[in-house]
Amino acid sequence: MCKLGRLKILKLIMSEFSVEFTVRDYELDMQGIVNNSVYQNYLEHARHEYLHFHGIDFADLTERGVILVVKNISMDFKNSLKSKDQFKVLVETYKEGHLKLVFKQTIINTSNNKVALSALVTGVCLVNGRLVKPETINEINRFLNRQQR
C-alpha cells in the first residue's frame, strides 16, 4: 500500500496489456498532429479491450443495468503523434478507495519508443443510478481477485 497525499491507494498486480493502433489521416488537426480529443477515443477503446480481455463484457453489463462511467480523466501530453504513426496503448489498473477503479494508461509511439501521452482515468460503477462498490459486480470481483494474486 502506498500513500498519495491523504489518499490511500491499493496497488493491484499489474499485468501488461496493450492495444496497437495506426494514426489515420482524418484524426489530425490543422497542425498535422493527432487532435487532442482523439486521444480519448484511443484510451476508451483500449480500456474496453482490456475489460473484455479480463472477462468483463461492457455491453452485457450495460444491458443488465450496470453502468461503468468515467468520473475523472487526466491526460498529460508528451510527444504528438502524426499521420501513419504506429503506437500502442498500455493499460494497467488499481483500486482507489472503496468505489473507484483507476486505469493508468500510456500511449507509446512504437517507431521511436517515446511516450506520447500518460493518462489516469478514474471509473465508478452505477446500478440503478447509485454508486456501488466495484466488487459487488461478479465479473469485476473476479477480475479484482485475480489481480490481487
N, C-alpha and C. Protein backbone atom coordinates (compact mmCIF):
# COMPACT_ATOMS: atom_id res chain seq x y z
N MET A 1 0.84 -1.16 0.00
CA MET A 1 0.00 0.00 0.00
C MET A 1 0.90 1.24 0.00
N CYS A 2 0.56 2.21 -0.86
CA CYS A 2 1.34 3.44 -0.89
C CYS A 2 0.41 4.61 -0.63
N LYS A 3 0.97 5.72 -0.22
CA LYS A 3 0.15 6.90 0.04
C LYS A 3 0.38 7.95 -1.03
N LEU A 4 -0.68 8.58 -1.43
CA LEU A 4 -0.61 9.68 -2.38
C LEU A 4 -1.36 10.83 -1.72
N GLY A 5 -0.61 11.73 -1.09
CA GLY A 5 -1.26 12.77 -0.31
C GLY A 5 -1.99 12.11 0.84
N ARG A 6 -3.27 12.43 1.00
CA ARG A 6 -4.07 11.85 2.07
C ARG A 6 -4.80 10.60 1.61
N LEU A 7 -4.72 10.28 0.32
CA LEU A 7 -5.42 9.12 -0.20
C LEU A 7 -4.57 7.87 -0.05
N LYS A 8 -5.21 6.80 0.37
CA LYS A 8 -4.53 5.52 0.38
C LYS A 8 -4.94 4.79 -0.89
N ILE A 9 -3.96 4.30 -1.60
CA ILE A 9 -4.23 3.62 -2.85
C ILE A 9 -3.75 2.19 -2.73
N LEU A 10 -4.64 1.25 -3.01
CA LEU A 10 -4.26 -0.14 -3.03
C LEU A 10 -3.78 -0.47 -4.43
N LYS A 11 -2.51 -0.74 -4.56
CA LYS A 11 -1.95 -1.10 -5.86
C LYS A 11 -2.26 -2.56 -6.13
N LEU A 12 -2.79 -2.85 -7.28
CA LEU A 12 -3.05 -4.22 -7.69
C LEU A 12 -1.94 -4.68 -8.60
N ILE A 13 -1.72 -5.97 -8.64
CA ILE A 13 -0.71 -6.52 -9.53
C ILE A 13 -1.08 -6.11 -10.95
N MET A 14 -0.12 -5.56 -11.67
CA MET A 14 -0.42 -5.02 -12.98
C MET A 14 0.24 -5.87 -14.06
N SER A 15 -0.56 -6.65 -14.75
CA SER A 15 -0.02 -7.38 -15.89
C SER A 15 -0.11 -6.46 -17.09
N GLU A 16 0.94 -6.44 -17.90
CA GLU A 16 0.96 -5.52 -19.04
C GLU A 16 -0.05 -5.94 -20.09
N PHE A 17 -0.83 -5.01 -20.51
CA PHE A 17 -1.82 -5.21 -21.55
C PHE A 17 -1.71 -4.03 -22.49
N SER A 18 -1.75 -4.30 -23.79
CA SER A 18 -1.69 -3.19 -24.75
C SER A 18 -2.52 -3.49 -25.99
N VAL A 19 -2.92 -2.41 -26.64
CA VAL A 19 -3.65 -2.47 -27.90
C VAL A 19 -2.87 -1.61 -28.88
N GLU A 20 -2.69 -2.12 -30.10
CA GLU A 20 -1.92 -1.39 -31.11
C GLU A 20 -2.84 -0.68 -32.10
N PHE A 21 -2.40 0.50 -32.54
CA PHE A 21 -3.15 1.34 -33.47
C PHE A 21 -2.20 1.94 -34.50
N THR A 22 -2.78 2.50 -35.56
CA THR A 22 -2.06 3.33 -36.52
C THR A 22 -2.86 4.62 -36.68
N VAL A 23 -2.19 5.76 -36.65
CA VAL A 23 -2.86 7.05 -36.81
C VAL A 23 -3.44 7.14 -38.21
N ARG A 24 -4.70 7.56 -38.28
CA ARG A 24 -5.37 7.77 -39.57
C ARG A 24 -5.40 9.26 -39.88
N ASP A 25 -5.32 9.59 -41.16
CA ASP A 25 -5.23 11.00 -41.57
C ASP A 25 -6.36 11.86 -41.03
N TYR A 26 -7.57 11.33 -40.96
CA TYR A 26 -8.70 12.16 -40.53
C TYR A 26 -8.65 12.46 -39.02
N GLU A 27 -7.70 11.89 -38.28
CA GLU A 27 -7.57 12.17 -36.86
C GLU A 27 -6.66 13.37 -36.58
N LEU A 28 -6.11 13.95 -37.64
CA LEU A 28 -5.16 15.06 -37.50
C LEU A 28 -5.88 16.40 -37.46
N ASP A 29 -5.25 17.36 -36.79
CA ASP A 29 -5.78 18.72 -36.81
C ASP A 29 -5.02 19.54 -37.85
N MET A 30 -5.24 20.84 -37.86
CA MET A 30 -4.61 21.71 -38.87
C MET A 30 -3.09 21.75 -38.75
N GLN A 31 -2.57 21.38 -37.60
CA GLN A 31 -1.12 21.40 -37.37
C GLN A 31 -0.45 20.11 -37.86
N GLY A 32 -1.26 19.14 -38.32
CA GLY A 32 -0.71 17.90 -38.81
C GLY A 32 -0.39 16.88 -37.73
N ILE A 33 -0.95 17.10 -36.54
CA ILE A 33 -0.77 16.16 -35.43
C ILE A 33 -2.14 15.66 -34.98
N VAL A 34 -2.14 14.55 -34.25
CA VAL A 34 -3.42 14.00 -33.76
C VAL A 34 -4.09 15.03 -32.87
N ASN A 35 -5.37 15.29 -33.16
CA ASN A 35 -6.15 16.23 -32.37
C ASN A 35 -6.28 15.71 -30.94
N ASN A 36 -6.21 16.61 -29.98
CA ASN A 36 -6.23 16.20 -28.57
C ASN A 36 -7.45 15.35 -28.21
N SER A 37 -8.59 15.63 -28.81
CA SER A 37 -9.81 14.87 -28.47
C SER A 37 -9.74 13.42 -28.92
N VAL A 38 -8.96 13.14 -29.94
CA VAL A 38 -8.85 11.78 -30.49
C VAL A 38 -8.17 10.84 -29.50
N TYR A 39 -7.27 11.39 -28.69
CA TYR A 39 -6.57 10.55 -27.72
C TYR A 39 -7.56 9.89 -26.75
N GLN A 40 -8.64 10.58 -26.42
CA GLN A 40 -9.65 9.98 -25.53
C GLN A 40 -10.29 8.76 -26.20
N ASN A 41 -10.48 8.82 -27.51
CA ASN A 41 -11.02 7.65 -28.22
C ASN A 41 -10.06 6.47 -28.13
N TYR A 42 -8.77 6.73 -28.32
CA TYR A 42 -7.77 5.67 -28.21
C TYR A 42 -7.81 5.04 -26.81
N LEU A 43 -7.85 5.91 -25.79
CA LEU A 43 -7.85 5.43 -24.41
C LEU A 43 -9.11 4.61 -24.12
N GLU A 44 -10.25 5.09 -24.58
CA GLU A 44 -11.50 4.37 -24.32
C GLU A 44 -11.51 3.01 -25.00
N HIS A 45 -11.08 2.97 -26.24
CA HIS A 45 -11.06 1.69 -26.96
C HIS A 45 -10.14 0.69 -26.23
N ALA A 46 -8.98 1.16 -25.80
CA ALA A 46 -8.04 0.28 -25.10
C ALA A 46 -8.63 -0.20 -23.77
N ARG A 47 -9.33 0.68 -23.03
CA ARG A 47 -9.95 0.25 -21.77
C ARG A 47 -11.00 -0.81 -22.01
N HIS A 48 -11.82 -0.63 -23.04
CA HIS A 48 -12.85 -1.62 -23.35
C HIS A 48 -12.23 -2.97 -23.73
N GLU A 49 -11.17 -2.93 -24.52
CA GLU A 49 -10.47 -4.17 -24.89
C GLU A 49 -9.87 -4.84 -23.66
N TYR A 50 -9.31 -4.03 -22.78
CA TYR A 50 -8.72 -4.53 -21.53
C TYR A 50 -9.78 -5.23 -20.69
N LEU A 51 -10.94 -4.58 -20.51
CA LEU A 51 -12.02 -5.18 -19.74
C LEU A 51 -12.49 -6.48 -20.38
N HIS A 52 -12.67 -6.46 -21.70
CA HIS A 52 -13.11 -7.66 -22.41
C HIS A 52 -12.10 -8.79 -22.24
N PHE A 53 -10.82 -8.47 -22.35
CA PHE A 53 -9.75 -9.45 -22.17
C PHE A 53 -9.84 -10.12 -20.80
N HIS A 54 -10.27 -9.34 -19.82
CA HIS A 54 -10.38 -9.85 -18.44
C HIS A 54 -11.79 -10.36 -18.11
N GLY A 55 -12.58 -10.63 -19.14
CA GLY A 55 -13.88 -11.26 -18.91
C GLY A 55 -14.99 -10.32 -18.49
N ILE A 56 -14.79 -9.03 -18.71
CA ILE A 56 -15.82 -8.04 -18.36
C ILE A 56 -16.41 -7.51 -19.65
N ASP A 57 -17.66 -7.90 -19.92
CA ASP A 57 -18.34 -7.50 -21.15
C ASP A 57 -19.12 -6.21 -20.90
N PHE A 58 -18.56 -5.13 -21.37
CA PHE A 58 -19.12 -3.79 -21.15
C PHE A 58 -20.57 -3.72 -21.61
N ALA A 59 -20.87 -4.24 -22.81
CA ALA A 59 -22.23 -4.19 -23.35
C ALA A 59 -23.19 -5.03 -22.51
N ASP A 60 -22.75 -6.21 -22.11
CA ASP A 60 -23.60 -7.08 -21.28
C ASP A 60 -23.92 -6.42 -19.95
N LEU A 61 -22.92 -5.82 -19.32
CA LEU A 61 -23.17 -5.13 -18.05
C LEU A 61 -24.20 -4.02 -18.23
N THR A 62 -24.06 -3.26 -19.30
CA THR A 62 -24.98 -2.16 -19.57
C THR A 62 -26.41 -2.67 -19.73
N GLU A 63 -26.55 -3.78 -20.48
CA GLU A 63 -27.89 -4.38 -20.65
C GLU A 63 -28.49 -4.80 -19.32
N ARG A 64 -27.65 -5.18 -18.36
CA ARG A 64 -28.11 -5.61 -17.04
C ARG A 64 -28.28 -4.44 -16.07
N GLY A 65 -28.08 -3.24 -16.55
CA GLY A 65 -28.26 -2.07 -15.70
C GLY A 65 -27.05 -1.67 -14.89
N VAL A 66 -25.91 -2.29 -15.17
CA VAL A 66 -24.65 -1.92 -14.51
C VAL A 66 -23.93 -0.96 -15.44
N ILE A 67 -23.79 0.26 -15.00
CA ILE A 67 -23.21 1.29 -15.84
C ILE A 67 -21.82 1.64 -15.31
N LEU A 68 -20.82 1.45 -16.16
CA LEU A 68 -19.45 1.83 -15.82
C LEU A 68 -19.19 3.19 -16.45
N VAL A 69 -18.86 4.17 -15.63
CA VAL A 69 -18.67 5.52 -16.15
C VAL A 69 -17.32 6.10 -15.74
N VAL A 70 -16.83 7.00 -16.57
CA VAL A 70 -15.62 7.75 -16.25
C VAL A 70 -16.02 8.89 -15.33
N LYS A 71 -15.37 8.96 -14.18
CA LYS A 71 -15.61 10.04 -13.23
C LYS A 71 -14.63 11.18 -13.43
N ASN A 72 -13.40 10.81 -13.79
CA ASN A 72 -12.36 11.82 -13.95
C ASN A 72 -11.33 11.30 -14.94
N ILE A 73 -10.76 12.22 -15.72
CA ILE A 73 -9.68 11.85 -16.62
C ILE A 73 -8.63 12.96 -16.60
N SER A 74 -7.38 12.53 -16.48
CA SER A 74 -6.27 13.47 -16.51
C SER A 74 -5.30 12.98 -17.57
N MET A 75 -5.01 13.85 -18.55
CA MET A 75 -4.12 13.48 -19.64
C MET A 75 -2.93 14.43 -19.68
N ASP A 76 -1.74 13.84 -19.77
CA ASP A 76 -0.51 14.62 -19.86
C ASP A 76 0.11 14.35 -21.23
N PHE A 77 0.00 15.33 -22.13
CA PHE A 77 0.51 15.19 -23.49
C PHE A 77 2.02 15.39 -23.48
N LYS A 78 2.75 14.46 -24.10
CA LYS A 78 4.21 14.49 -24.07
C LYS A 78 4.81 14.73 -25.46
N ASN A 79 4.47 13.86 -26.43
CA ASN A 79 5.00 13.94 -27.79
C ASN A 79 3.86 13.63 -28.76
N SER A 80 3.64 14.52 -29.70
CA SER A 80 2.49 14.38 -30.61
C SER A 80 2.67 13.22 -31.58
N LEU A 81 1.56 12.56 -31.86
CA LEU A 81 1.52 11.54 -32.90
C LEU A 81 1.16 12.21 -34.22
N LYS A 82 1.67 11.64 -35.31
CA LYS A 82 1.42 12.18 -36.65
C LYS A 82 0.86 11.09 -37.55
N SER A 83 0.49 11.48 -38.75
CA SER A 83 -0.09 10.55 -39.72
C SER A 83 0.77 9.31 -39.90
N LYS A 84 0.12 8.16 -39.90
CA LYS A 84 0.74 6.85 -40.12
C LYS A 84 1.61 6.35 -38.96
N ASP A 85 1.74 7.14 -37.88
CA ASP A 85 2.50 6.65 -36.72
C ASP A 85 1.82 5.40 -36.18
N GLN A 86 2.61 4.43 -35.83
CA GLN A 86 2.10 3.24 -35.16
C GLN A 86 2.39 3.40 -33.68
N PHE A 87 1.40 3.00 -32.87
CA PHE A 87 1.55 3.20 -31.43
C PHE A 87 0.76 2.14 -30.68
N LYS A 88 1.06 2.05 -29.40
CA LYS A 88 0.30 1.13 -28.56
C LYS A 88 -0.17 1.87 -27.32
N VAL A 89 -1.29 1.39 -26.80
CA VAL A 89 -1.84 1.94 -25.56
C VAL A 89 -1.71 0.86 -24.49
N LEU A 90 -0.91 1.16 -23.46
CA LEU A 90 -0.76 0.26 -22.33
C LEU A 90 -1.85 0.57 -21.31
N VAL A 91 -2.38 -0.48 -20.69
CA VAL A 91 -3.43 -0.30 -19.69
C VAL A 91 -3.08 -1.10 -18.44
N GLU A 92 -3.16 -0.44 -17.31
CA GLU A 92 -2.98 -1.06 -16.00
C GLU A 92 -4.10 -0.54 -15.11
N THR A 93 -4.39 -1.26 -14.03
CA THR A 93 -5.46 -0.80 -13.13
C THR A 93 -5.05 -0.92 -11.67
N TYR A 94 -5.70 -0.11 -10.88
CA TYR A 94 -5.64 -0.27 -9.43
C TYR A 94 -6.92 0.29 -8.84
N LYS A 95 -7.23 -0.17 -7.64
CA LYS A 95 -8.43 0.29 -6.94
C LYS A 95 -8.03 1.43 -6.04
N GLU A 96 -8.86 2.46 -6.00
CA GLU A 96 -8.62 3.61 -5.14
C GLU A 96 -9.83 3.78 -4.22
N GLY A 97 -9.62 3.69 -2.94
CA GLY A 97 -10.74 3.79 -2.00
C GLY A 97 -11.70 2.63 -2.17
N HIS A 98 -12.97 2.87 -1.86
CA HIS A 98 -13.98 1.81 -1.91
C HIS A 98 -14.75 1.77 -3.22
N LEU A 99 -14.79 2.90 -3.94
CA LEU A 99 -15.70 2.99 -5.08
C LEU A 99 -15.02 3.17 -6.43
N LYS A 100 -13.74 3.47 -6.45
CA LYS A 100 -13.10 3.86 -7.71
C LYS A 100 -12.11 2.82 -8.22
N LEU A 101 -12.12 2.66 -9.54
CA LEU A 101 -11.09 1.91 -10.24
C LEU A 101 -10.33 2.92 -11.09
N VAL A 102 -9.01 2.89 -11.02
CA VAL A 102 -8.19 3.81 -11.79
C VAL A 102 -7.48 3.02 -12.89
N PHE A 103 -7.58 3.54 -14.10
CA PHE A 103 -6.87 2.97 -15.24
C PHE A 103 -5.67 3.88 -15.52
N LYS A 104 -4.50 3.31 -15.38
CA LYS A 104 -3.28 4.04 -15.74
C LYS A 104 -2.99 3.66 -17.18
N GLN A 105 -3.00 4.64 -18.07
CA GLN A 105 -2.83 4.37 -19.49
C GLN A 105 -1.68 5.20 -20.06
N THR A 106 -0.91 4.55 -20.91
CA THR A 106 0.23 5.21 -21.55
C THR A 106 0.19 4.91 -23.04
N ILE A 107 0.30 5.96 -23.84
CA ILE A 107 0.38 5.80 -25.28
C ILE A 107 1.84 5.95 -25.68
N ILE A 108 2.36 4.92 -26.35
CA ILE A 108 3.76 4.90 -26.76
C ILE A 108 3.86 4.78 -28.27
N ASN A 109 4.59 5.71 -28.89
CA ASN A 109 4.88 5.65 -30.32
C ASN A 109 5.88 4.51 -30.51
N THR A 110 5.48 3.46 -31.22
CA THR A 110 6.34 2.28 -31.33
C THR A 110 7.51 2.46 -32.29
N SER A 111 7.46 3.51 -33.13
CA SER A 111 8.59 3.72 -34.05
C SER A 111 9.81 4.31 -33.34
N ASN A 112 9.58 5.08 -32.26
CA ASN A 112 10.71 5.69 -31.55
C ASN A 112 10.68 5.40 -30.05
N ASN A 113 9.69 4.66 -29.61
CA ASN A 113 9.53 4.27 -28.20
C ASN A 113 9.32 5.46 -27.26
N LYS A 114 8.87 6.59 -27.80
CA LYS A 114 8.62 7.77 -26.97
C LYS A 114 7.18 7.74 -26.46
N VAL A 115 7.01 8.19 -25.24
CA VAL A 115 5.68 8.32 -24.66
C VAL A 115 4.99 9.52 -25.31
N ALA A 116 3.82 9.28 -25.87
CA ALA A 116 3.04 10.36 -26.46
C ALA A 116 2.10 10.97 -25.43
N LEU A 117 1.59 10.13 -24.53
CA LEU A 117 0.61 10.61 -23.56
C LEU A 117 0.59 9.67 -22.36
N SER A 118 0.42 10.25 -21.18
CA SER A 118 0.16 9.49 -19.96
C SER A 118 -1.18 9.95 -19.43
N ALA A 119 -2.00 9.00 -18.99
CA ALA A 119 -3.34 9.36 -18.51
C ALA A 119 -3.71 8.53 -17.30
N LEU A 120 -4.50 9.15 -16.44
CA LEU A 120 -5.17 8.45 -15.35
C LEU A 120 -6.66 8.64 -15.55
N VAL A 121 -7.37 7.53 -15.66
CA VAL A 121 -8.81 7.58 -15.88
C VAL A 121 -9.47 6.88 -14.69
N THR A 122 -10.29 7.62 -13.97
CA THR A 122 -10.98 7.08 -12.81
C THR A 122 -12.40 6.71 -13.20
N GLY A 123 -12.76 5.46 -12.91
CA GLY A 123 -14.10 4.99 -13.22
C GLY A 123 -14.84 4.55 -11.97
N VAL A 124 -16.17 4.61 -12.07
CA VAL A 124 -17.03 4.13 -10.99
C VAL A 124 -18.15 3.28 -11.60
N CYS A 125 -18.82 2.52 -10.74
CA CYS A 125 -19.93 1.65 -11.16
C CYS A 125 -21.23 2.20 -10.61
N LEU A 126 -22.23 2.23 -11.46
CA LEU A 126 -23.57 2.65 -11.05
C LEU A 126 -24.56 1.50 -11.30
N VAL A 127 -25.42 1.26 -10.34
CA VAL A 127 -26.53 0.33 -10.51
C VAL A 127 -27.78 1.08 -10.08
N ASN A 128 -28.75 1.16 -10.98
CA ASN A 128 -29.96 1.94 -10.73
C ASN A 128 -29.64 3.37 -10.31
N GLY A 129 -28.62 3.93 -10.95
CA GLY A 129 -28.26 5.31 -10.70
C GLY A 129 -27.50 5.57 -9.41
N ARG A 130 -27.14 4.51 -8.69
CA ARG A 130 -26.43 4.66 -7.41
C ARG A 130 -25.04 4.07 -7.50
N LEU A 131 -24.10 4.75 -6.88
CA LEU A 131 -22.73 4.24 -6.81
C LEU A 131 -22.70 2.94 -6.02
N VAL A 132 -21.95 1.97 -6.54
CA VAL A 132 -21.76 0.70 -5.83
C VAL A 132 -20.28 0.36 -5.82
N LYS A 133 -19.88 -0.45 -4.86
CA LYS A 133 -18.50 -0.93 -4.83
C LYS A 133 -18.29 -1.82 -6.05
N PRO A 134 -17.17 -1.67 -6.74
CA PRO A 134 -16.93 -2.48 -7.94
C PRO A 134 -17.01 -3.97 -7.68
N GLU A 135 -16.57 -4.41 -6.50
CA GLU A 135 -16.57 -5.85 -6.23
C GLU A 135 -17.96 -6.44 -6.03
N THR A 136 -19.00 -5.60 -5.98
CA THR A 136 -20.36 -6.15 -5.91
C THR A 136 -20.84 -6.66 -7.28
N ILE A 137 -20.09 -6.36 -8.33
CA ILE A 137 -20.39 -6.86 -9.67
C ILE A 137 -19.53 -8.12 -9.86
N ASN A 138 -20.17 -9.27 -10.08
CA ASN A 138 -19.46 -10.55 -10.11
C ASN A 138 -18.23 -10.54 -11.00
N GLU A 139 -18.37 -10.08 -12.25
CA GLU A 139 -17.26 -10.10 -13.19
C GLU A 139 -16.10 -9.24 -12.71
N ILE A 140 -16.42 -8.09 -12.15
CA ILE A 140 -15.39 -7.18 -11.67
C ILE A 140 -14.74 -7.76 -10.41
N ASN A 141 -15.53 -8.39 -9.56
CA ASN A 141 -14.99 -9.02 -8.37
C ASN A 141 -13.98 -10.11 -8.73
N ARG A 142 -14.33 -10.94 -9.72
CA ARG A 142 -13.40 -11.98 -10.18
C ARG A 142 -12.10 -11.36 -10.70
N PHE A 143 -12.24 -10.29 -11.47
CA PHE A 143 -11.08 -9.59 -12.01
C PHE A 143 -10.20 -9.04 -10.88
N LEU A 144 -10.82 -8.39 -9.90
CA LEU A 144 -10.06 -7.83 -8.79
C LEU A 144 -9.35 -8.93 -7.99
N ASN A 145 -10.04 -10.03 -7.79
CA ASN A 145 -9.42 -11.15 -7.05
C ASN A 145 -8.22 -11.70 -7.80
N ARG A 146 -8.33 -11.83 -9.13
CA ARG A 146 -7.19 -12.30 -9.94
C ARG A 146 -6.03 -11.33 -9.87
N GLN A 147 -6.33 -10.04 -9.86
CA GLN A 147 -5.27 -9.02 -9.84
C GLN A 147 -4.52 -9.02 -8.52
N GLN A 148 -5.17 -9.41 -7.44
CA GLN A 148 -4.53 -9.36 -6.12
C GLN A 148 -3.61 -10.57 -5.89
N ARG A 149 -3.71 -11.58 -6.71
CA ARG A 149 -2.86 -12.77 -6.51
C ARG A 149 -1.44 -12.50 -6.88
